[in-house]
Amino acid sequence: MRFLMLVKHGENPGPPPPEFLEAMAKLDEDANKSGTMIVSGGLMPIAKSTRVRLSRGQVTAIDGPYTEAKEVVGGFAMFELKSKEETIEGARSFMELHKKYWPGWEGETEIRQVLGMEAFEQKA
């Protein structure tokens, strides 16, 4: 099963400490060696983003920043894992790295299972 993890936090948590970056590099290396991580990455601040919206039949592009943004998606990772429980344990470990190496950082990791085509196939 594929799972997407979305890391959410305040818009500007500041630069990550070097110890945190080292711990993240090790976590990424382990996940890549095991073959469970498909892709991951951090995201630029929303001030550098653009939203493309369809509303009332019109498609528009709006550049950030956005005044309503209190919490943003700051990073993501997609994994191929055996169960949601395994994914939750991975997210817990990931958040423990933040707790240990980035004191004062606050945020959350949202776990979403990726739908495959089987979710849309007609049942006979």
PDB file of N, CA and C in Angstrom:
ATOM      1  N   MET A   1       0.834  -1.170   0.000  1.00  0.00           N
ATOM      2  CA  MET A   1       0.000   0.000   0.000  1.00  0.00           C
ATOM      3  C   MET A   1       0.887   1.244   0.000  1.00  0.00           C
ATOM      4  N   ARG A   2       0.423   2.231  -0.733  1.00  0.00           N
ATOM      5  CA  ARG A   2       1.167   3.490  -0.769  1.00  0.00           C
ATOM      6  C   ARG A   2       0.523   4.498   0.170  1.00  0.00           C
ATOM      7  N   PHE A   3       1.398   5.224   0.870  1.00  0.00           N
ATOM      8  CA  PHE A   3       0.953   6.254   1.796  1.00  0.00           C
ATOM      9  C   PHE A   3       1.735   7.533   1.543  1.00  0.00           C
ATOM     10  N   LEU A   4       1.017   8.654   1.592  1.00  0.00           N
ATOM     11  CA  LEU A   4       1.627   9.966   1.484  1.00  0.00           C
ATOM     12  C   LEU A   4       1.619  10.592   2.872  1.00  0.00           C
ATOM     13  N   MET A   5       2.770  11.079   3.294  1.00  0.00           N
ATOM     14  CA  MET A   5       2.870  11.791   4.558  1.00  0.00           C
ATOM     15  C   MET A   5       3.072  13.260   4.245  1.00  0.00           C
ATOM     16  N   LEU A   6       2.222  14.101   4.817  1.00  0.00           N
ATOM     17  CA  LEU A   6       2.307  15.546   4.640  1.00  0.00           C
ATOM     18  C   LEU A   6       2.733  16.165   5.961  1.00  0.00           C
ATOM     19  N   VAL A   7       3.831  16.898   5.954  1.00  0.00           N
ATOM     20  CA  VAL A   7       4.337  17.538   7.162  1.00  0.00           C
ATOM     21  C   VAL A   7       3.812  18.966   7.188  1.00  0.00           C
ATOM     22  N   LYS A   8       3.082  19.294   8.248  1.00  0.00           N
ATOM     23  CA  LYS A   8       2.466  20.613   8.376  1.00  0.00           C
ATOM     24  C   LYS A   8       3.061  21.345   9.572  1.00  0.00           C
ATOM     25  N   HIS A   9       3.252  22.660   9.399  1.00  0.00           N
ATOM     26  CA  HIS A   9       3.784  23.491  10.481  1.00  0.00           C
ATOM     27  C   HIS A   9       3.446  24.938  10.188  1.00  0.00           C
ATOM     28  N   GLY A  10       3.811  25.828  11.102  1.00  0.00           N
ATOM     29  CA  GLY A  10       3.622  27.259  10.869  1.00  0.00           C
ATOM     30  C   GLY A  10       4.426  27.702   9.668  1.00  0.00           C
ATOM     31  N   GLU A  11       4.054  28.834   9.091  1.00  0.00           N
ATOM     32  CA  GLU A  11       4.674  29.282   7.841  1.00  0.00           C
ATOM     33  C   GLU A  11       6.185  29.425   7.935  1.00  0.00           C
ATOM     34  N   ASN A  12       6.727  29.960   9.003  1.00  0.00           N
ATOM     35  CA  ASN A  12       8.166  30.175   9.036  1.00  0.00           C
ATOM     36  C   ASN A  12       8.767  29.624  10.329  1.00  0.00           C
ATOM     37  N   PRO A  13       9.072  28.327  10.362  1.00  0.00           N
ATOM     38  CA  PRO A  13       9.636  27.752  11.585  1.00  0.00           C
ATOM     39  C   PRO A  13      11.126  28.068  11.773  1.00  0.00           C
ATOM     40  N   GLY A  14      11.729  28.760  10.824  1.00  0.00           N
ATOM     41  CA  GLY A  14      13.154  29.057  10.898  1.00  0.00           C
ATOM     42  C   GLY A  14      13.970  27.929  10.300  1.00  0.00           C
ATOM     43  N   PRO A  15      15.277  28.147  10.179  1.00  0.00           N
ATOM     44  CA  PRO A  15      16.122  27.117   9.568  1.00  0.00           C
ATOM     45  C   PRO A  15      16.285  25.916  10.499  1.00  0.00           C
ATOM     46  N   PRO A  16      16.302  24.715   9.934  1.00  0.00           N
ATOM     47  CA  PRO A  16      16.491  23.525  10.768  1.00  0.00           C
ATOM     48  C   PRO A  16      17.912  23.463  11.316  1.00  0.00           C
ATOM     49  N   PRO A  17      18.062  22.997  12.547  1.00  0.00           N
ATOM     50  CA  PRO A  17      19.403  22.840  13.112  1.00  0.00           C
ATOM     51  C   PRO A  17      20.206  21.792  12.335  1.00  0.00           C
ATOM     52  N   PRO A  18      21.533  21.952  12.268  1.00  0.00           N
ATOM     53  CA  PRO A  18      22.368  20.983  11.540  1.00  0.00           C
ATOM     54  C   PRO A  18      22.192  19.546  12.047  1.00  0.00           C
ATOM     55  N   GLU A  19      22.015  19.374  13.349  1.00  0.00           N
ATOM     56  CA  GLU A  19      21.831  18.020  13.903  1.00  0.00           C
ATOM     57  C   GLU A  19      20.550  17.378  13.367  1.00  0.00           C
ATOM     58  N   PHE A  20      19.524  18.199  13.195  1.00  0.00           N
ATOM     59  CA  PHE A  20      18.269  17.693  12.630  1.00  0.00           C
ATOM     60  C   PHE A  20      18.485  17.255  11.186  1.00  0.00           C
ATOM     61  N   LEU A  21      19.180  18.074  10.421  1.00  0.00           N
ATOM     62  CA  LEU A  21      19.442  17.733   9.015  1.00  0.00           C
ATOM     63  C   LEU A  21      20.242  16.435   8.893  1.00  0.00           C
ATOM     64  N   GLU A  22      21.208  16.244   9.779  1.00  0.00           N
ATOM     65  CA  GLU A  22      21.987  14.997   9.787  1.00  0.00           C
ATOM     66  C   GLU A  22      21.099  13.799  10.106  1.00  0.00           C
ATOM     67  N   ALA A  23      20.227  13.943  11.100  1.00  0.00           N
ATOM     68  CA  ALA A  23      19.321  12.847  11.477  1.00  0.00           C
ATOM     69  C   ALA A  23      18.352  12.538  10.335  1.00  0.00           C
ATOM     70  N   MET A  24      17.880  13.576   9.640  1.00  0.00           N
ATOM     71  CA  MET A  24      16.973  13.369   8.504  1.00  0.00           C
ATOM     72  C   MET A  24      17.689  12.662   7.356  1.00  0.00           C
ATOM     73  N   ALA A  25      18.934  13.018   7.112  1.00  0.00           N
ATOM     74  CA  ALA A  25      19.707  12.369   6.046  1.00  0.00           C
ATOM     75  C   ALA A  25      19.850  10.878   6.333  1.00  0.00           C
ATOM     76  N   LYS A  26      20.093  10.533   7.589  1.00  0.00           N
ATOM     77  CA  LYS A  26      20.213   9.124   7.986  1.00  0.00           C
ATOM     78  C   LYS A  26      18.878   8.404   7.810  1.00  0.00           C
ATOM     79  N   LEU A  27      17.787   9.045   8.231  1.00  0.00           N
ATOM     80  CA  LEU A  27      16.454   8.448   8.084  1.00  0.00           C
ATOM     81  C   LEU A  27      16.144   8.210   6.606  1.00  0.00           C
ATOM     82  N   ASP A  28      16.429   9.192   5.756  1.00  0.00           N
ATOM     83  CA  ASP A  28      16.207   9.048   4.313  1.00  0.00           C
ATOM     84  C   ASP A  28      17.053   7.921   3.733  1.00  0.00           C
ATOM     85  N   GLU A  29      18.321   7.860   4.151  1.00  0.00           N
ATOM     86  CA  GLU A  29      19.218   6.807   3.660  1.00  0.00           C
ATOM     87  C   GLU A  29      18.675   5.427   4.019  1.00  0.00           C
ATOM     88  N   ASP A  30      18.237   5.259   5.249  1.00  0.00           N
ATOM     89  CA  ASP A  30      17.686   3.969   5.690  1.00  0.00           C
ATOM     90  C   ASP A  30      16.431   3.602   4.898  1.00  0.00           C
ATOM     91  N   ALA A  31      15.547   4.577   4.691  1.00  0.00           N
ATOM     92  CA  ALA A  31      14.309   4.316   3.946  1.00  0.00           C
ATOM     93  C   ALA A  31      14.598   3.993   2.489  1.00  0.00           C
ATOM     94  N   ASN A  32      15.583   4.645   1.911  1.00  0.00           N
ATOM     95  CA  ASN A  32      15.955   4.352   0.526  1.00  0.00           C
ATOM     96  C   ASN A  32      16.577   2.963   0.401  1.00  0.00           C
ATOM     97  N   LYS A  33      17.439   2.596   1.363  1.00  0.00           N
ATOM     98  CA  LYS A  33      18.063   1.266   1.341  1.00  0.00           C
ATOM     99  C   LYS A  33      17.028   0.157   1.472  1.00  0.00           C
ATOM    100  N   SER A  34      16.015   0.384   2.313  1.00  0.00           N
ATOM    101  CA  SER A  34      14.980  -0.637   2.518  1.00  0.00           C
ATOM    102  C   SER A  34      14.003  -0.685   1.351  1.00  0.00           C
ATOM    103  N   GLY A  35      14.019   0.341   0.503  1.00  0.00           N
ATOM    104  CA  GLY A  35      13.121   0.377  -0.648  1.00  0.00           C
ATOM    105  C   GLY A  35      11.710   0.814  -0.313  1.00  0.00           C
ATOM    106  N   THR A  36      11.496   1.357   0.882  1.00  0.00           N
ATOM    107  CA  THR A  36      10.136   1.752   1.272  1.00  0.00           C
ATOM    108  C   THR A  36       9.787   3.175   0.847  1.00  0.00           C
ATOM    109  N   MET A  37      10.782   4.062   0.734  1.00  0.00           N
ATOM    110  CA  MET A  37      10.486   5.437   0.350  1.00  0.00           C
ATOM    111  C   MET A  37      10.535   5.577  -1.161  1.00  0.00           C
ATOM    112  N   ILE A  38       9.477   6.142  -1.712  1.00  0.00           N
ATOM    113  CA  ILE A  38       9.383   6.364  -3.149  1.00  0.00           C
ATOM    114  C   ILE A  38       9.958   7.728  -3.509  1.00  0.00           C
ATOM    115  N   VAL A  39       9.563   8.753  -2.748  1.00  0.00           N
ATOM    116  CA  VAL A  39      10.032  10.117  -2.986  1.00  0.00           C
ATOM    117  C   VAL A  39       9.775  10.937  -1.722  1.00  0.00           C
ATOM    118  N   SER A  40      10.589  11.979  -1.518  1.00  0.00           N
ATOM    119  CA  SER A  40      10.353  12.894  -0.406  1.00  0.00           C
ATOM    120  C   SER A  40      10.939  14.243  -0.755  1.00  0.00           C
ATOM    121  N   GLY A  41      10.518  15.256  -0.026  1.00  0.00           N
ATOM    122  CA  GLY A  41      11.090  16.576  -0.252  1.00  0.00           C
ATOM    123  C   GLY A  41      10.481  17.622   0.647  1.00  0.00           C
ATOM    124  N   GLY A  42      11.235  18.686   0.831  1.00  0.00           N
ATOM    125  CA  GLY A  42      10.729  19.855   1.526  1.00  0.00           C
ATOM    126  C   GLY A  42      10.179  20.829   0.499  1.00  0.00           C
ATOM    127  N   LEU A  43       9.350  21.742   0.944  1.00  0.00           N
ATOM    128  CA  LEU A  43       8.710  22.692   0.036  1.00  0.00           C
ATOM    129  C   LEU A  43       9.127  24.125   0.359  1.00  0.00           C
ATOM    130  N   MET A  44       9.206  24.937  -0.665  1.00  0.00           N
ATOM    131  CA  MET A  44       9.517  26.358  -0.505  1.00  0.00           C
ATOM    132  C   MET A  44       8.374  27.025   0.267  1.00  0.00           C
ATOM    133  N   PRO A  45       8.634  28.184   0.865  1.00  0.00           N
ATOM    134  CA  PRO A  45       7.578  28.911   1.575  1.00  0.00           C
ATOM    135  C   PRO A  45       6.433  29.287   0.642  1.00  0.00           C
ATOM    136  N   ILE A  46       5.225  29.434   1.208  1.00  0.00           N
ATOM    137  CA  ILE A  46       4.074  29.755   0.362  1.00  0.00           C
ATOM    138  C   ILE A  46       4.190  31.127  -0.294  1.00  0.00           C
ATOM    139  N   ALA A  47       5.053  31.990   0.220  1.00  0.00           N
ATOM    140  CA  ALA A  47       5.267  33.289  -0.433  1.00  0.00           C
ATOM    141  C   ALA A  47       5.789  33.106  -1.852  1.00  0.00           C
ATOM    142  N   LYS A  48       6.387  31.960  -2.130  1.00  0.00           N
ATOM    143  CA  LYS A  48       6.929  31.682  -3.462  1.00  0.00           C
ATOM    144  C   LYS A  48       6.049  30.725  -4.254  1.00  0.00           C
ATOM    145  N   SER A  49       4.823  30.507  -3.778  1.00  0.00           N
ATOM    146  CA  SER A  49       3.940  29.551  -4.440  1.00  0.00           C
ATOM    147  C   SER A  49       2.894  30.262  -5.299  1.00  0.00           C
ATOM    148  N   THR A  50       2.207  29.475  -6.091  1.00  0.00           N
ATOM    149  CA  THR A  50       1.091  29.949  -6.911  1.00  0.00           C
ATOM    150  C   THR A  50      -0.029  28.932  -6.811  1.00  0.00           C
ATOM    151  N   ARG A  51      -1.228  29.415  -6.636  1.00  0.00           N
ATOM    152  CA  ARG A  51      -2.415  28.556  -6.653  1.00  0.00           C
ATOM    153  C   ARG A  51      -3.145  28.787  -7.965  1.00  0.00           C
ATOM    154  N   VAL A  52      -3.520  27.700  -8.614  1.00  0.00           N
ATOM    155  CA  VAL A  52      -4.334  27.793  -9.821  1.00  0.00           C
ATOM    156  C   VAL A  52      -5.712  27.289  -9.433  1.00  0.00           C
ATOM    157  N   ARG A  53      -6.712  28.156  -9.586  1.00  0.00           N
ATOM    158  CA  ARG A  53      -8.057  27.887  -9.060  1.00  0.00           C
ATOM    159  C   ARG A  53      -9.081  27.930 -10.176  1.00  0.00           C
ATOM    160  N   LEU A  54     -10.057  27.007 -10.088  1.00  0.00           N
ATOM    161  CA  LEU A  54     -11.230  27.027 -10.955  1.00  0.00           C
ATOM    162  C   LEU A  54     -12.402  27.434 -10.084  1.00  0.00           C
ATOM    163  N   SER A  55     -13.003  28.566 -10.408  1.00  0.00           N
ATOM    164  CA  SER A  55     -14.144  29.061  -9.645  1.00  0.00           C
ATOM    165  C   SER A  55     -15.080  29.799 -10.590  1.00  0.00           C
ATOM    166  N   ARG A  56     -16.354  29.424 -10.550  1.00  0.00           N
ATOM    167  CA  ARG A  56     -17.376  30.065 -11.382  1.00  0.00           C
ATOM    168  C   ARG A  56     -17.009  30.050 -12.862  1.00  0.00           C
ATOM    169  N   GLY A  57     -16.428  28.945 -13.288  1.00  0.00           N
ATOM    170  CA  GLY A  57     -16.088  28.773 -14.695  1.00  0.00           C
ATOM    171  C   GLY A  57     -14.820  29.471 -15.137  1.00  0.00           C
ATOM    172  N   GLN A  58     -14.101  30.103 -14.217  1.00  0.00           N
ATOM    173  CA  GLN A  58     -12.876  30.815 -14.557  1.00  0.00           C
ATOM    174  C   GLN A  58     -11.675  30.151 -13.902  1.00  0.00           C
ATOM    175  N   VAL A  59     -10.596  30.014 -14.671  1.00  0.00           N
ATOM    176  CA  VAL A  59      -9.339  29.496 -14.138  1.00  0.00           C
ATOM    177  C   VAL A  59      -8.415  30.689 -13.929  1.00  0.00           C
ATOM    178  N   THR A  60      -7.933  30.838 -12.697  1.00  0.00           N
ATOM    179  CA  THR A  60      -7.042  31.955 -12.381  1.00  0.00           C
ATOM    180  C   THR A  60      -5.823  31.444 -11.632  1.00  0.00           C
ATOM    181  N   ALA A  61      -4.725  32.188 -11.748  1.00  0.00           N
ATOM    182  CA  ALA A  61      -3.501  31.887 -11.011  1.00  0.00           C
ATOM    183  C   ALA A  61      -3.264  33.017 -10.019  1.00  0.00           C
ATOM    184  N   ILE A  62      -3.038  32.641  -8.753  1.00  0.00           N
ATOM    185  CA  ILE A  62      -2.846  33.614  -7.689  1.00  0.00           C
ATOM    186  C   ILE A  62      -1.520  33.323  -7.006  1.00  0.00           C
ATOM    187  N   ASP A  63      -0.630  34.321  -6.972  1.00  0.00           N
ATOM    188  CA  ASP A  63       0.659  34.150  -6.315  1.00  0.00           C
ATOM    189  C   ASP A  63       0.525  34.347  -4.809  1.00  0.00           C
ATOM    190  N   GLY A  64       1.349  33.605  -4.039  1.00  0.00           N
ATOM    191  CA  GLY A  64       1.399  33.753  -2.598  1.00  0.00           C
ATOM    192  C   GLY A  64       2.136  35.022  -2.239  1.00  0.00           C
ATOM    193  N   PRO A  65       2.173  35.395  -0.988  1.00  0.00           N
ATOM    194  CA  PRO A  65       1.606  34.660   0.146  1.00  0.00           C
ATOM    195  C   PRO A  65       0.096  34.844   0.264  1.00  0.00           C
ATOM    196  N   TYR A  66      -0.519  34.009   1.050  1.00  0.00           N
ATOM    197  CA  TYR A  66      -1.958  34.008   1.236  1.00  0.00           C
ATOM    198  C   TYR A  66      -2.255  34.358   2.685  1.00  0.00           C
ATOM    199  N   THR A  67      -3.103  35.333   2.884  1.00  0.00           N
ATOM    200  CA  THR A  67      -3.352  35.831   4.241  1.00  0.00           C
ATOM    201  C   THR A  67      -3.984  34.790   5.149  1.00  0.00           C
ATOM    202  N   GLU A  68      -4.735  33.843   4.591  1.00  0.00           N
ATOM    203  CA  GLU A  68      -5.416  32.867   5.440  1.00  0.00           C
ATOM    204  C   GLU A  68      -4.520  31.719   5.894  1.00  0.00           C
ATOM    205  N   ALA A  69      -3.282  31.662   5.428  1.00  0.00           N
ATOM    206  CA  ALA A  69      -2.400  30.537   5.743  1.00  0.00           C
ATOM    207  C   ALA A  69      -1.837  30.674   7.156  1.00  0.00           C
ATOM    208  N   LYS A  70      -2.284  29.791   8.043  1.00  0.00           N
ATOM    209  CA  LYS A  70      -1.744  29.735   9.395  1.00  0.00           C
ATOM    210  C   LYS A  70      -0.839  28.514   9.546  1.00  0.00           C
ATOM    211  N   GLU A  71      -1.152  27.486   8.814  1.00  0.00           N
ATOM    212  CA  GLU A  71      -0.380  26.250   8.818  1.00  0.00           C
ATOM    213  C   GLU A  71      -0.192  25.835   7.370  1.00  0.00           C
ATOM    214  N   VAL A  72       1.006  25.410   7.024  1.00  0.00           N
ATOM    215  CA  VAL A  72       1.294  25.062   5.639  1.00  0.00           C
ATOM    216  C   VAL A  72       1.889  23.659   5.550  1.00  0.00           C
ATOM    217  N   VAL A  73       1.797  23.073   4.372  1.00  0.00           N
ATOM    218  CA  VAL A  73       2.490  21.825   4.112  1.00  0.00           C
ATOM    219  C   VAL A  73       3.930  22.203   3.787  1.00  0.00           C
ATOM    220  N   GLY A  74       4.854  21.763   4.636  1.00  0.00           N
ATOM    221  CA  GLY A  74       6.251  22.126   4.472  1.00  0.00           C
ATOM    222  C   GLY A  74       7.101  21.041   3.849  1.00  0.00           C
ATOM    223  N   GLY A  75       6.544  19.824   3.755  1.00  0.00           N
ATOM    224  CA  GLY A  75       7.284  18.724   3.173  1.00  0.00           C
ATOM    225  C   GLY A  75       6.375  17.531   2.971  1.00  0.00           C
ATOM    226  N   PHE A  76       6.902  16.529   2.281  1.00  0.00           N
ATOM    227  CA  PHE A  76       6.113  15.346   1.977  1.00  0.00           C
ATOM    228  C   PHE A  76       7.036  14.149   1.796  1.00  0.00           C
ATOM    229  N   ALA A  77       6.454  12.978   1.900  1.00  0.00           N
ATOM    230  CA  ALA A  77       7.162  11.738   1.563  1.00  0.00           C
ATOM    231  C   ALA A  77       6.113  10.705   1.171  1.00  0.00           C
ATOM    232  N   MET A  78       6.435   9.904   0.166  1.00  0.00           N
ATOM    233  CA  MET A  78       5.554   8.813  -0.225  1.00  0.00           C
ATOM    234  C   MET A  78       6.282   7.501   0.023  1.00  0.00           C
ATOM    235  N   PHE A  79       5.566   6.574   0.655  1.00  0.00           N
ATOM    236  CA  PHE A  79       6.129   5.285   1.031  1.00  0.00           C
ATOM    237  C   PHE A  79       5.289   4.144   0.487  1.00  0.00           C
ATOM    238  N   GLU A  80       5.931   3.025   0.270  1.00  0.00           N
ATOM    239  CA  GLU A  80       5.271   1.756  -0.030  1.00  0.00           C
ATOM    240  C   GLU A  80       5.480   0.903   1.218  1.00  0.00           C
ATOM    241  N   LEU A  81       4.397   0.702   1.976  1.00  0.00           N
ATOM    242  CA  LEU A  81       4.479  -0.023   3.245  1.00  0.00           C
ATOM    243  C   LEU A  81       3.370  -1.066   3.330  1.00  0.00           C
ATOM    244  N   LYS A  82       3.510  -1.963   4.303  1.00  0.00           N
ATOM    245  CA  LYS A  82       2.581  -3.087   4.424  1.00  0.00           C
ATOM    246  C   LYS A  82       1.246  -2.713   5.046  1.00  0.00           C
ATOM    247  N   SER A  83       1.245  -1.689   5.907  1.00  0.00           N
ATOM    248  CA  SER A  83      -0.001  -1.371   6.626  1.00  0.00           C
ATOM    249  C   SER A  83       0.004   0.081   7.082  1.00  0.00           C
ATOM    250  N   LYS A  84      -1.180   0.548   7.449  1.00  0.00           N
ATOM    251  CA  LYS A  84      -1.286   1.894   8.011  1.00  0.00           C
ATOM    252  C   LYS A  84      -0.555   1.964   9.347  1.00  0.00           C
ATOM    253  N   GLU A  85      -0.599   0.879  10.116  1.00  0.00           N
ATOM    254  CA  GLU A  85       0.081   0.849  11.408  1.00  0.00           C
ATOM    255  C   GLU A  85       1.585   1.056  11.244  1.00  0.00           C
ATOM    256  N   GLU A  86       2.169   0.418  10.227  1.00  0.00           N
ATOM    257  CA  GLU A  86       3.599   0.600   9.948  1.00  0.00           C
ATOM    258  C   GLU A  86       3.881   2.065   9.584  1.00  0.00           C
ATOM    259  N   THR A  87       2.958   2.671   8.855  1.00  0.00           N
ATOM    260  CA  THR A  87       3.099   4.066   8.458  1.00  0.00           C
ATOM    261  C   THR A  87       3.025   4.986   9.675  1.00  0.00           C
ATOM    262  N   ILE A  88       2.108   4.705  10.580  1.00  0.00           N
ATOM    263  CA  ILE A  88       1.974   5.508  11.801  1.00  0.00           C
ATOM    264  C   ILE A  88       3.254   5.424  12.631  1.00  0.00           C
ATOM    265  N   GLU A  89       3.819   4.242  12.734  1.00  0.00           N
ATOM    266  CA  GLU A  89       5.076   4.097  13.485  1.00  0.00           C
ATOM    267  C   GLU A  89       6.195   4.907  12.838  1.00  0.00           C
ATOM    268  N   GLY A  90       6.245   4.908  11.514  1.00  0.00           N
ATOM    269  CA  GLY A  90       7.245   5.707  10.813  1.00  0.00           C
ATOM    270  C   GLY A  90       7.050   7.195  11.061  1.00  0.00           C
ATOM    271  N   ALA A  91       5.791   7.641  11.065  1.00  0.00           N
ATOM    272  CA  ALA A  91       5.508   9.057  11.329  1.00  0.00           C
ATOM    273  C   ALA A  91       5.879   9.424  12.765  1.00  0.00           C
ATOM    274  N   ARG A  92       5.639   8.528  13.685  1.00  0.00           N
ATOM    275  CA  ARG A  92       6.023   8.777  15.085  1.00  0.00           C
ATOM    276  C   ARG A  92       7.544   8.947  15.200  1.00  0.00           C
ATOM    277  N   SER A  93       8.287   8.071  14.544  1.00  0.00           N
ATOM    278  CA  SER A  93       9.754   8.164  14.570  1.00  0.00           C
ATOM    279  C   SER A  93      10.224   9.476  13.965  1.00  0.00           C
ATOM    280  N   PHE A  94       9.595   9.869  12.873  1.00  0.00           N
ATOM    281  CA  PHE A  94       9.911  11.117  12.193  1.00  0.00           C
ATOM    282  C   PHE A  94       9.678  12.313  13.123  1.00  0.00           C
ATOM    283  N   MET A  95       8.542  12.311  13.824  1.00  0.00           N
ATOM    284  CA  MET A  95       8.233  13.408  14.741  1.00  0.00           C
ATOM    285  C   MET A  95       9.160  13.391  15.956  1.00  0.00           C
ATOM    286  N   GLU A  96       9.603  12.207  16.381  1.00  0.00           N
ATOM    287  CA  GLU A  96      10.561  12.116  17.489  1.00  0.00           C
ATOM    288  C   GLU A  96      11.887  12.784  17.119  1.00  0.00           C
ATOM    289  N   LEU A  97      12.282  12.693  15.829  1.00  0.00           N
ATOM    290  CA  LEU A  97      13.498  13.394  15.380  1.00  0.00           C
ATOM    291  C   LEU A  97      13.340  14.899  15.559  1.00  0.00           C
ATOM    292  N   HIS A  98      12.172  15.408  15.224  1.00  0.00           N
ATOM    293  CA  HIS A  98      11.911  16.837  15.427  1.00  0.00           C
ATOM    294  C   HIS A  98      12.011  17.186  16.910  1.00  0.00           C
ATOM    295  N   LYS A  99      11.381  16.371  17.730  1.00  0.00           N
ATOM    296  CA  LYS A  99      11.385  16.618  19.180  1.00  0.00           C
ATOM    297  C   LYS A  99      12.810  16.648  19.731  1.00  0.00           C
ATOM    298  N   LYS A 100      13.627  15.703  19.292  1.00  0.00           N
ATOM    299  CA  LYS A 100      14.984  15.566  19.816  1.00  0.00           C
ATOM    300  C   LYS A 100      15.937  16.626  19.272  1.00  0.00           C
ATOM    301  N   TYR A 101      15.886  16.872  17.965  1.00  0.00           N
ATOM    302  CA  TYR A 101      16.896  17.704  17.321  1.00  0.00           C
ATOM    303  C   TYR A 101      16.454  19.125  16.960  1.00  0.00           C
ATOM    304  N   TRP A 102      15.153  19.430  17.120  1.00  0.00           N
ATOM    305  CA  TRP A 102      14.665  20.762  16.780  1.00  0.00           C
ATOM    306  C   TRP A 102      13.727  21.243  17.883  1.00  0.00           C
ATOM    307  N   PRO A 103      14.278  21.521  19.078  1.00  0.00           N
ATOM    308  CA  PRO A 103      13.449  21.937  20.210  1.00  0.00           C
ATOM    309  C   PRO A 103      12.604  23.169  19.861  1.00  0.00           C
ATOM    310  N   GLY A 104      11.364  23.134  20.269  1.00  0.00           N
ATOM    311  CA  GLY A 104      10.461  24.246  20.014  1.00  0.00           C
ATOM    312  C   GLY A 104       9.676  24.137  18.723  1.00  0.00           C
ATOM    313  N   TRP A 105      10.112  23.251  17.801  1.00  0.00           N
ATOM    314  CA  TRP A 105       9.375  23.076  16.546  1.00  0.00           C
ATOM    315  C   TRP A 105       8.027  22.444  16.868  1.00  0.00           C
ATOM    316  N   GLU A 106       6.977  22.912  16.237  1.00  0.00           N
ATOM    317  CA  GLU A 106       5.652  22.329  16.411  1.00  0.00           C
ATOM    318  C   GLU A 106       5.034  22.081  15.054  1.00  0.00           C
ATOM    319  N   GLY A 107       4.384  20.955  14.927  1.00  0.00           N
ATOM    320  CA  GLY A 107       3.726  20.615  13.679  1.00  0.00           C
ATOM    321  C   GLY A 107       3.124  19.238  13.755  1.00  0.00           C
ATOM    322  N   GLU A 108       2.738  18.729  12.611  1.00  0.00           N
ATOM    323  CA  GLU A 108       2.125  17.406  12.551  1.00  0.00           C
ATOM    324  C   GLU A 108       2.426  16.748  11.223  1.00  0.00           C
ATOM    325  N   THR A 109       2.286  15.443  11.206  1.00  0.00           N
ATOM    326  CA  THR A 109       2.393  14.681   9.970  1.00  0.00           C
ATOM    327  C   THR A 109       1.041  14.043   9.696  1.00  0.00           C
ATOM    328  N   GLU A 110       0.462  14.378   8.571  1.00  0.00           N
ATOM    329  CA  GLU A 110      -0.812  13.792   8.157  1.00  0.00           C
ATOM    330  C   GLU A 110      -0.513  12.604   7.249  1.00  0.00           C
ATOM    331  N   ILE A 111      -1.164  11.486   7.502  1.00  0.00           N
ATOM    332  CA  ILE A 111      -0.970  10.269   6.718  1.00  0.00           C
ATOM    333  C   ILE A 111      -2.198  10.051   5.850  1.00  0.00           C
ATOM    334  N   ARG A 112      -1.985   9.893   4.546  1.00  0.00           N
ATOM    335  CA  ARG A 112      -3.086   9.650   3.615  1.00  0.00           C
ATOM    336  C   ARG A 112      -2.719   8.467   2.731  1.00  0.00           C
ATOM    337  N   GLN A 113      -3.592   7.466   2.693  1.00  0.00           N
ATOM    338  CA  GLN A 113      -3.357   6.348   1.791  1.00  0.00           C
ATOM    339  C   GLN A 113      -3.643   6.805   0.370  1.00  0.00           C
ATOM    340  N   VAL A 114      -2.796   6.400  -0.560  1.00  0.00           N
ATOM    341  CA  VAL A 114      -2.950   6.758  -1.966  1.00  0.00           C
ATOM    342  C   VAL A 114      -3.909   5.762  -2.615  1.00  0.00           C
ATOM    343  N   LEU A 115      -4.915   6.298  -3.272  1.00  0.00           N
ATOM    344  CA  LEU A 115      -5.885   5.445  -3.951  1.00  0.00           C
ATOM    345  C   LEU A 115      -5.275   4.871  -5.220  1.00  0.00           C
ATOM    346  N   GLY A 116      -5.489   3.588  -5.424  1.00  0.00           N
ATOM    347  CA  GLY A 116      -5.101   2.945  -6.675  1.00  0.00           C
ATOM    348  C   GLY A 116      -6.337   2.804  -7.539  1.00  0.00           C
ATOM    349  N   MET A 117      -6.147   2.313  -8.733  1.00  0.00           N
ATOM    350  CA  MET A 117      -7.279   2.137  -9.652  1.00  0.00           C
ATOM    351  C   MET A 117      -8.342   1.196  -9.095  1.00  0.00           C
ATOM    352  N   GLU A 118      -7.943   0.294  -8.204  1.00  0.00           N
ATOM    353  CA  GLU A 118      -8.916  -0.636  -7.631  1.00  0.00           C
ATOM    354  C   GLU A 118     -10.029   0.088  -6.898  1.00  0.00           C
ATOM    355  N   ALA A 119      -9.781   1.280  -6.406  1.00  0.00           N
ATOM    356  CA  ALA A 119     -10.799   2.052  -5.691  1.00  0.00           C
ATOM    357  C   ALA A 119     -11.916   2.535  -6.634  1.00  0.00           C
ATOM    358  N   PHE A 120     -11.628   2.566  -7.942  1.00  0.00           N
ATOM    359  CA  PHE A 120     -12.589   3.090  -8.898  1.00  0.00           C
ATOM    360  C   PHE A 120     -13.203   2.023  -9.788  1.00  0.00           C
ATOM    361  N   GLU A 121     -12.743   0.781  -9.649  1.00  0.00           N
ATOM    362  CA  GLU A 121     -13.264  -0.303 -10.493  1.00  0.00           C
ATOM    363  C   GLU A 121     -14.652  -0.708 -10.016  1.00  0.00           C
ATOM    364  N   GLN A 122     -15.512  -1.055 -10.965  1.00  0.00           N
ATOM    365  CA  GLN A 122     -16.865  -1.493 -10.666  1.00  0.00           C
ATOM    366  C   GLN A 122     -16.841  -2.887 -10.058  1.00  0.00           C
ATOM    367  N   LYS A 123     -17.594  -3.084  -9.019  1.00  0.00           N
ATOM    368  CA  LYS A 123     -17.734  -4.402  -8.408  1.00  0.00           C
ATOM    369  C   LYS A 123     -18.824  -5.162  -9.144  1.00  0.00           C
ATOM    370  N   ALA A 124     -18.560  -6.404  -9.500  1.00  0.00           N
ATOM    371  CA  ALA A 124     -19.555  -7.190 -10.245  1.00  0.00           C
ATOM    372  C   ALA A 124     -20.576  -7.810  -9.322  1.00  0.00           C
TER     373      ALA A 124
END
